[in-house]
Amino acid sequence: MKNLLAILLLLGCCQFSTAQLSAGAGLSIITGNSTAFGLQGRVMYAANDDFTLGVGYNYYFEKTIGNIIDIDIQYSLVETDGGFTISPMAGIRVSTKGEVDTDLHLGLYTVIPISGYHFYLEPKFVISQNDAFVVSTGFRF
C-alpha cells in the first residue's frame, strides 16, 4: 500500500511539474563587435500566471564569443486566447570565452502560434562593456 501511495504521489507531482515546464530550441544571431550565428536551447518554468523563469544555453560558432547562458524572468504583458504572447524580460547573461563574464540583458519574449506550433521570437539588448543586440527564434514545446 505504501508503494502504491508513493507511486501515485510521484505521478501527481510529475503531472504538476510538466504542466509548468516548457522547452524550446532554435537559432540565435548576435551583433556587436562581431556578428555570429549559434544554436539555442531553452527551459522555462511558469512560476504563476504572470511570471516565467527561463534558462537558455547558446552555442555560437564564432570562437571569440564562446558559450553563453541566459537566466531571465519574463512578465506576461499580453496574452490572447490563441496563444500569442508578449512578455518583457530582464536577466543575467553569463559568457565563457576564456574567462567568465556576467552582463545584463533586456528584451521581449514573444510566442507566435502558427498551425498548432508555437514559435518564439526573442530580441534583446545586452548591456555590457561590449554592448550587443541578440535575436533568437525557434520552436517552443
N, C-alpha and C. Protein backbone atom coordinates (compact mmCIF):
# COMPACT_ATOMS: atom_id res chain seq x y z
N MET A 1 0.82 -1.20 0.00
CA MET A 1 0.00 0.00 0.00
C MET A 1 0.87 1.27 0.00
N LYS A 2 1.97 1.23 0.76
CA LYS A 2 2.86 2.39 0.80
C LYS A 2 3.47 2.65 -0.58
N ASN A 3 3.83 1.58 -1.28
CA ASN A 3 4.41 1.73 -2.63
C ASN A 3 3.40 2.34 -3.60
N LEU A 4 2.16 1.88 -3.52
CA LEU A 4 1.12 2.42 -4.39
C LEU A 4 0.90 3.90 -4.10
N LEU A 5 0.86 4.26 -2.85
CA LEU A 5 0.69 5.65 -2.46
C LEU A 5 1.87 6.51 -2.94
N ALA A 6 3.07 5.98 -2.81
CA ALA A 6 4.27 6.71 -3.27
C ALA A 6 4.24 6.89 -4.78
N ILE A 7 3.82 5.86 -5.52
CA ILE A 7 3.74 5.95 -6.98
C ILE A 7 2.69 6.98 -7.39
N LEU A 8 1.54 6.99 -6.75
CA LEU A 8 0.50 7.97 -7.07
C LEU A 8 0.96 9.39 -6.76
N LEU A 9 1.66 9.56 -5.65
CA LEU A 9 2.18 10.87 -5.29
C LEU A 9 3.22 11.34 -6.32
N LEU A 10 4.09 10.44 -6.73
CA LEU A 10 5.11 10.77 -7.72
C LEU A 10 4.48 11.12 -9.06
N LEU A 11 3.51 10.37 -9.50
CA LEU A 11 2.82 10.67 -10.76
C LEU A 11 2.10 12.01 -10.69
N GLY A 12 1.49 12.31 -9.54
CA GLY A 12 0.83 13.60 -9.38
C GLY A 12 1.81 14.75 -9.45
N CYS A 13 2.96 14.59 -8.82
CA CYS A 13 4.00 15.64 -8.87
C CYS A 13 4.54 15.81 -10.28
N CYS A 14 4.72 14.71 -10.99
CA CYS A 14 5.24 14.80 -12.36
C CYS A 14 4.25 15.52 -13.25
N GLN A 15 2.96 15.24 -13.10
CA GLN A 15 1.95 15.91 -13.92
C GLN A 15 1.92 17.39 -13.60
N PHE A 16 2.02 17.75 -12.33
CA PHE A 16 2.00 19.15 -11.92
C PHE A 16 3.21 19.89 -12.48
N SER A 17 4.38 19.27 -12.39
CA SER A 17 5.59 19.97 -12.82
C SER A 17 5.68 20.08 -14.34
N THR A 18 5.22 19.08 -15.09
CA THR A 18 5.31 19.17 -16.55
C THR A 18 4.33 20.19 -17.10
N ALA A 19 3.25 20.46 -16.38
CA ALA A 19 2.31 21.46 -16.84
C ALA A 19 2.92 22.86 -16.76
N GLN A 20 3.90 23.05 -15.90
CA GLN A 20 4.51 24.36 -15.72
C GLN A 20 5.84 24.49 -16.44
N LEU A 21 6.36 23.39 -16.98
CA LEU A 21 7.64 23.42 -17.67
C LEU A 21 7.43 23.43 -19.19
N SER A 22 8.27 24.18 -19.87
CA SER A 22 8.29 24.11 -21.33
C SER A 22 9.73 24.26 -21.80
N ALA A 23 9.97 23.89 -23.03
CA ALA A 23 11.32 23.94 -23.57
C ALA A 23 11.26 24.51 -24.98
N GLY A 24 12.41 24.92 -25.46
CA GLY A 24 12.49 25.46 -26.81
C GLY A 24 13.85 25.19 -27.41
N ALA A 25 13.91 25.20 -28.71
CA ALA A 25 15.18 25.02 -29.43
C ALA A 25 15.13 25.89 -30.67
N GLY A 26 16.27 26.54 -30.96
CA GLY A 26 16.27 27.41 -32.12
C GLY A 26 17.63 27.94 -32.49
N LEU A 27 17.61 29.06 -33.21
CA LEU A 27 18.81 29.71 -33.71
C LEU A 27 18.93 31.09 -33.09
N SER A 28 20.17 31.57 -33.04
CA SER A 28 20.43 32.86 -32.45
C SER A 28 21.47 33.61 -33.27
N ILE A 29 21.32 34.92 -33.36
CA ILE A 29 22.33 35.76 -34.02
C ILE A 29 22.66 36.90 -33.06
N ILE A 30 23.93 37.17 -32.92
CA ILE A 30 24.39 38.24 -32.05
C ILE A 30 25.18 39.24 -32.90
N THR A 31 24.91 40.52 -32.68
CA THR A 31 25.66 41.58 -33.37
C THR A 31 26.23 42.51 -32.32
N GLY A 32 27.38 43.00 -32.56
CA GLY A 32 28.08 43.90 -31.65
C GLY A 32 29.45 44.16 -32.23
N ASN A 33 30.49 43.80 -31.49
CA ASN A 33 31.85 43.90 -32.03
C ASN A 33 32.05 42.97 -33.21
N SER A 34 31.36 41.83 -33.17
CA SER A 34 31.38 40.88 -34.28
C SER A 34 29.98 40.29 -34.40
N THR A 35 29.72 39.65 -35.52
CA THR A 35 28.43 39.01 -35.75
C THR A 35 28.63 37.51 -35.79
N ALA A 36 27.74 36.78 -35.11
CA ALA A 36 27.88 35.32 -35.08
C ALA A 36 26.52 34.66 -35.02
N PHE A 37 26.44 33.47 -35.57
CA PHE A 37 25.25 32.63 -35.52
C PHE A 37 25.48 31.52 -34.51
N GLY A 38 24.38 31.06 -33.90
CA GLY A 38 24.52 29.98 -32.94
C GLY A 38 23.24 29.19 -32.78
N LEU A 39 23.31 28.17 -31.96
CA LEU A 39 22.18 27.32 -31.60
C LEU A 39 21.75 27.65 -30.18
N GLN A 40 20.45 27.56 -29.94
CA GLN A 40 19.94 27.88 -28.61
C GLN A 40 19.01 26.78 -28.12
N GLY A 41 19.12 26.47 -26.84
CA GLY A 41 18.18 25.60 -26.14
C GLY A 41 17.65 26.34 -24.93
N ARG A 42 16.37 26.20 -24.64
CA ARG A 42 15.75 26.93 -23.52
C ARG A 42 14.89 25.99 -22.69
N VAL A 43 14.82 26.28 -21.40
CA VAL A 43 13.88 25.64 -20.50
C VAL A 43 13.20 26.76 -19.72
N MET A 44 11.87 26.70 -19.61
CA MET A 44 11.13 27.74 -18.92
C MET A 44 10.19 27.13 -17.88
N TYR A 45 10.06 27.83 -16.78
CA TYR A 45 9.19 27.40 -15.69
C TYR A 45 8.19 28.51 -15.40
N ALA A 46 6.91 28.21 -15.53
CA ALA A 46 5.86 29.19 -15.24
C ALA A 46 5.65 29.24 -13.73
N ALA A 47 6.20 30.26 -13.09
CA ALA A 47 6.08 30.39 -11.63
C ALA A 47 4.64 30.66 -11.22
N ASN A 48 3.92 31.46 -12.01
CA ASN A 48 2.49 31.71 -11.82
C ASN A 48 1.93 32.21 -13.15
N ASP A 49 0.73 32.78 -13.14
CA ASP A 49 0.12 33.22 -14.40
C ASP A 49 0.85 34.41 -15.03
N ASP A 50 1.57 35.17 -14.22
CA ASP A 50 2.21 36.38 -14.72
C ASP A 50 3.70 36.25 -14.99
N PHE A 51 4.41 35.44 -14.21
CA PHE A 51 5.87 35.38 -14.30
C PHE A 51 6.38 34.01 -14.73
N THR A 52 7.38 34.04 -15.61
CA THR A 52 8.04 32.83 -16.07
C THR A 52 9.53 33.00 -15.89
N LEU A 53 10.18 31.97 -15.38
CA LEU A 53 11.63 31.96 -15.24
C LEU A 53 12.20 31.14 -16.39
N GLY A 54 13.27 31.64 -17.00
CA GLY A 54 13.85 30.94 -18.13
C GLY A 54 15.36 30.81 -18.03
N VAL A 55 15.86 29.71 -18.56
CA VAL A 55 17.31 29.49 -18.67
C VAL A 55 17.57 29.05 -20.10
N GLY A 56 18.52 29.72 -20.75
CA GLY A 56 18.86 29.39 -22.11
C GLY A 56 20.35 29.14 -22.26
N TYR A 57 20.70 28.21 -23.13
CA TYR A 57 22.10 27.92 -23.43
C TYR A 57 22.31 28.23 -24.91
N ASN A 58 23.31 29.06 -25.19
CA ASN A 58 23.62 29.45 -26.56
C ASN A 58 25.02 28.99 -26.92
N TYR A 59 25.12 28.27 -28.01
CA TYR A 59 26.41 27.85 -28.53
C TYR A 59 26.63 28.61 -29.84
N TYR A 60 27.62 29.51 -29.84
CA TYR A 60 27.92 30.29 -31.04
C TYR A 60 29.08 29.66 -31.80
N PHE A 61 29.00 29.69 -33.12
CA PHE A 61 30.03 29.09 -33.96
C PHE A 61 31.30 29.95 -34.04
N GLU A 62 31.19 31.21 -33.67
CA GLU A 62 32.35 32.11 -33.62
C GLU A 62 33.11 31.85 -32.32
N LYS A 63 34.36 31.49 -32.43
CA LYS A 63 35.17 31.12 -31.25
C LYS A 63 35.38 32.27 -30.27
N THR A 64 35.38 33.52 -30.76
CA THR A 64 35.65 34.65 -29.87
C THR A 64 34.47 34.97 -28.95
N ILE A 65 33.29 34.45 -29.26
CA ILE A 65 32.12 34.72 -28.43
C ILE A 65 31.97 33.68 -27.33
N GLY A 66 32.19 32.42 -27.63
CA GLY A 66 32.09 31.38 -26.62
C GLY A 66 30.67 30.93 -26.35
N ASN A 67 30.51 30.21 -25.25
CA ASN A 67 29.20 29.70 -24.84
C ASN A 67 28.56 30.71 -23.90
N ILE A 68 27.24 30.84 -24.00
CA ILE A 68 26.53 31.84 -23.20
C ILE A 68 25.32 31.18 -22.55
N ILE A 69 25.13 31.49 -21.27
CA ILE A 69 23.96 31.05 -20.52
C ILE A 69 23.16 32.28 -20.14
N ASP A 70 21.88 32.29 -20.49
CA ASP A 70 20.98 33.39 -20.15
C ASP A 70 20.01 32.93 -19.07
N ILE A 71 19.89 33.72 -18.02
CA ILE A 71 18.93 33.45 -16.95
C ILE A 71 18.03 34.68 -16.89
N ASP A 72 16.72 34.48 -17.10
CA ASP A 72 15.86 35.65 -17.15
C ASP A 72 14.50 35.40 -16.50
N ILE A 73 13.82 36.50 -16.26
CA ILE A 73 12.45 36.46 -15.77
C ILE A 73 11.59 37.23 -16.77
N GLN A 74 10.41 36.69 -17.07
CA GLN A 74 9.51 37.27 -18.05
C GLN A 74 8.18 37.59 -17.38
N TYR A 75 7.61 38.72 -17.76
CA TYR A 75 6.30 39.12 -17.26
C TYR A 75 5.31 39.07 -18.43
N SER A 76 4.24 38.32 -18.27
CA SER A 76 3.24 38.16 -19.33
C SER A 76 2.40 39.44 -19.44
N LEU A 77 2.75 40.27 -20.41
CA LEU A 77 2.08 41.56 -20.59
C LEU A 77 0.83 41.41 -21.44
N VAL A 78 0.95 40.68 -22.58
CA VAL A 78 -0.16 40.46 -23.50
C VAL A 78 -0.26 38.97 -23.76
N GLU A 79 -1.49 38.44 -23.60
CA GLU A 79 -1.71 37.02 -23.90
C GLU A 79 -3.11 36.86 -24.45
N THR A 80 -3.22 36.28 -25.66
CA THR A 80 -4.52 36.09 -26.29
C THR A 80 -4.97 34.65 -26.09
N ASP A 81 -6.25 34.39 -26.38
CA ASP A 81 -6.79 33.04 -26.26
C ASP A 81 -6.12 32.09 -27.25
N GLY A 82 -5.63 32.60 -28.37
CA GLY A 82 -4.99 31.77 -29.37
C GLY A 82 -3.56 31.39 -29.02
N GLY A 83 -3.01 31.97 -27.96
CA GLY A 83 -1.66 31.61 -27.54
C GLY A 83 -0.59 32.63 -27.88
N PHE A 84 -0.96 33.73 -28.57
CA PHE A 84 0.01 34.78 -28.86
C PHE A 84 0.36 35.49 -27.56
N THR A 85 1.66 35.62 -27.28
CA THR A 85 2.10 36.20 -26.01
C THR A 85 3.24 37.18 -26.24
N ILE A 86 3.21 38.30 -25.54
CA ILE A 86 4.32 39.24 -25.50
C ILE A 86 4.71 39.41 -24.04
N SER A 87 5.97 39.13 -23.74
CA SER A 87 6.47 39.20 -22.37
C SER A 87 7.78 39.98 -22.31
N PRO A 88 7.76 41.17 -21.69
CA PRO A 88 9.04 41.85 -21.44
C PRO A 88 9.90 40.97 -20.53
N MET A 89 11.21 41.05 -20.72
CA MET A 89 12.09 40.20 -19.93
C MET A 89 13.34 40.96 -19.53
N ALA A 90 13.93 40.52 -18.44
CA ALA A 90 15.21 41.05 -17.97
C ALA A 90 15.97 39.90 -17.35
N GLY A 91 17.29 39.97 -17.42
CA GLY A 91 18.05 38.87 -16.86
C GLY A 91 19.54 39.09 -16.87
N ILE A 92 20.22 38.01 -16.55
CA ILE A 92 21.67 37.99 -16.46
C ILE A 92 22.20 37.06 -17.53
N ARG A 93 23.27 37.47 -18.17
CA ARG A 93 23.92 36.68 -19.21
C ARG A 93 25.31 36.32 -18.71
N VAL A 94 25.62 35.03 -18.70
CA VAL A 94 26.94 34.55 -18.27
C VAL A 94 27.63 33.98 -19.51
N SER A 95 28.78 34.56 -19.86
CA SER A 95 29.51 34.08 -21.03
C SER A 95 30.86 33.53 -20.61
N THR A 96 31.28 32.49 -21.32
CA THR A 96 32.57 31.86 -21.04
C THR A 96 33.40 31.88 -22.31
N LYS A 97 34.25 32.84 -22.39
CA LYS A 97 35.18 32.92 -23.54
C LYS A 97 36.59 33.05 -22.98
N GLY A 98 37.03 32.03 -22.29
CA GLY A 98 38.32 32.05 -21.62
C GLY A 98 38.17 32.47 -20.17
N GLU A 99 37.39 33.51 -19.94
CA GLU A 99 37.07 33.96 -18.59
C GLU A 99 35.57 34.11 -18.48
N VAL A 100 35.05 34.14 -17.28
CA VAL A 100 33.61 34.22 -17.08
C VAL A 100 33.21 35.69 -16.95
N ASP A 101 32.27 36.13 -17.79
CA ASP A 101 31.74 37.49 -17.75
C ASP A 101 30.25 37.43 -17.46
N THR A 102 29.75 38.40 -16.71
CA THR A 102 28.31 38.50 -16.48
C THR A 102 27.83 39.86 -16.97
N ASP A 103 26.72 39.86 -17.67
CA ASP A 103 26.14 41.08 -18.23
C ASP A 103 24.65 41.06 -17.97
N LEU A 104 24.00 42.19 -18.17
CA LEU A 104 22.55 42.29 -18.07
C LEU A 104 21.94 42.29 -19.47
N HIS A 105 20.72 41.78 -19.58
CA HIS A 105 20.02 41.88 -20.86
C HIS A 105 18.56 42.24 -20.63
N LEU A 106 18.01 43.00 -21.58
CA LEU A 106 16.61 43.42 -21.58
C LEU A 106 16.02 43.13 -22.94
N GLY A 107 14.78 42.66 -22.97
CA GLY A 107 14.18 42.36 -24.27
C GLY A 107 12.73 41.94 -24.17
N LEU A 108 12.25 41.32 -25.23
CA LEU A 108 10.89 40.81 -25.32
C LEU A 108 10.94 39.33 -25.69
N TYR A 109 10.09 38.55 -25.05
CA TYR A 109 9.92 37.15 -25.42
C TYR A 109 8.52 37.04 -26.00
N THR A 110 8.43 36.69 -27.27
CA THR A 110 7.15 36.64 -27.96
C THR A 110 6.88 35.22 -28.45
N VAL A 111 5.69 34.72 -28.16
CA VAL A 111 5.27 33.40 -28.65
C VAL A 111 4.22 33.62 -29.73
N ILE A 112 4.45 33.00 -30.90
CA ILE A 112 3.56 33.15 -32.05
C ILE A 112 3.05 31.78 -32.45
N PRO A 113 1.75 31.50 -32.25
CA PRO A 113 1.20 30.19 -32.66
C PRO A 113 0.87 30.18 -34.16
N ILE A 114 1.41 29.18 -34.86
CA ILE A 114 1.14 29.02 -36.29
C ILE A 114 0.88 27.54 -36.56
N SER A 115 -0.32 27.22 -37.04
CA SER A 115 -0.70 25.86 -37.41
C SER A 115 -0.43 24.84 -36.31
N GLY A 116 -0.76 25.18 -35.09
CA GLY A 116 -0.59 24.25 -33.97
C GLY A 116 0.80 24.22 -33.37
N TYR A 117 1.75 24.93 -33.97
CA TYR A 117 3.10 25.01 -33.44
C TYR A 117 3.29 26.36 -32.75
N HIS A 118 4.17 26.38 -31.78
CA HIS A 118 4.48 27.64 -31.10
C HIS A 118 5.91 28.04 -31.43
N PHE A 119 6.03 29.15 -32.13
CA PHE A 119 7.34 29.72 -32.45
C PHE A 119 7.64 30.82 -31.46
N TYR A 120 8.89 30.99 -31.12
CA TYR A 120 9.24 32.12 -30.27
C TYR A 120 10.20 33.04 -31.00
N LEU A 121 10.09 34.31 -30.68
CA LEU A 121 10.97 35.34 -31.20
C LEU A 121 11.43 36.16 -30.00
N GLU A 122 12.74 36.30 -29.87
CA GLU A 122 13.28 36.92 -28.67
C GLU A 122 14.37 37.94 -29.03
N PRO A 123 13.99 39.20 -29.29
CA PRO A 123 15.02 40.24 -29.46
C PRO A 123 15.41 40.79 -28.09
N LYS A 124 16.71 41.00 -27.89
CA LYS A 124 17.15 41.58 -26.61
C LYS A 124 18.44 42.36 -26.79
N PHE A 125 18.62 43.29 -25.89
CA PHE A 125 19.79 44.15 -25.88
C PHE A 125 20.65 43.75 -24.68
N VAL A 126 21.93 43.49 -24.92
CA VAL A 126 22.86 43.10 -23.87
C VAL A 126 23.63 44.34 -23.43
N ILE A 127 23.55 44.65 -22.15
CA ILE A 127 24.22 45.81 -21.59
C ILE A 127 25.53 45.35 -20.95
N SER A 128 26.64 45.76 -21.56
CA SER A 128 27.95 45.33 -21.07
C SER A 128 29.01 46.31 -21.57
N GLN A 129 30.27 45.98 -21.36
CA GLN A 129 31.35 46.80 -21.92
C GLN A 129 31.30 46.77 -23.45
N ASN A 130 30.90 45.64 -23.99
CA ASN A 130 30.72 45.47 -25.44
C ASN A 130 29.24 45.23 -25.71
N ASP A 131 28.44 46.29 -25.74
CA ASP A 131 27.00 46.15 -25.95
C ASP A 131 26.72 45.33 -27.19
N ALA A 132 25.63 44.58 -27.14
CA ALA A 132 25.28 43.72 -28.27
C ALA A 132 23.76 43.65 -28.41
N PHE A 133 23.31 43.30 -29.59
CA PHE A 133 21.91 43.04 -29.85
C PHE A 133 21.79 41.59 -30.30
N VAL A 134 20.85 40.86 -29.70
CA VAL A 134 20.70 39.44 -29.97
C VAL A 134 19.26 39.17 -30.39
N VAL A 135 19.09 38.36 -31.43
CA VAL A 135 17.76 37.91 -31.84
C VAL A 135 17.80 36.39 -31.90
N SER A 136 16.86 35.77 -31.18
CA SER A 136 16.74 34.31 -31.18
C SER A 136 15.34 33.94 -31.64
N THR A 137 15.23 32.83 -32.34
CA THR A 137 13.94 32.33 -32.77
C THR A 137 13.98 30.81 -32.83
N GLY A 138 12.82 30.19 -32.66
CA GLY A 138 12.79 28.73 -32.71
C GLY A 138 11.42 28.20 -32.34
N PHE A 139 11.37 26.90 -32.02
CA PHE A 139 10.15 26.21 -31.63
C PHE A 139 10.06 26.14 -30.11
N ARG A 140 8.86 26.28 -29.61
CA ARG A 140 8.61 26.09 -28.17
C ARG A 140 7.76 24.84 -28.02
N PHE A 141 8.19 23.94 -27.15
CA PHE A 141 7.47 22.67 -26.95
C PHE A 141 6.60 22.75 -25.72
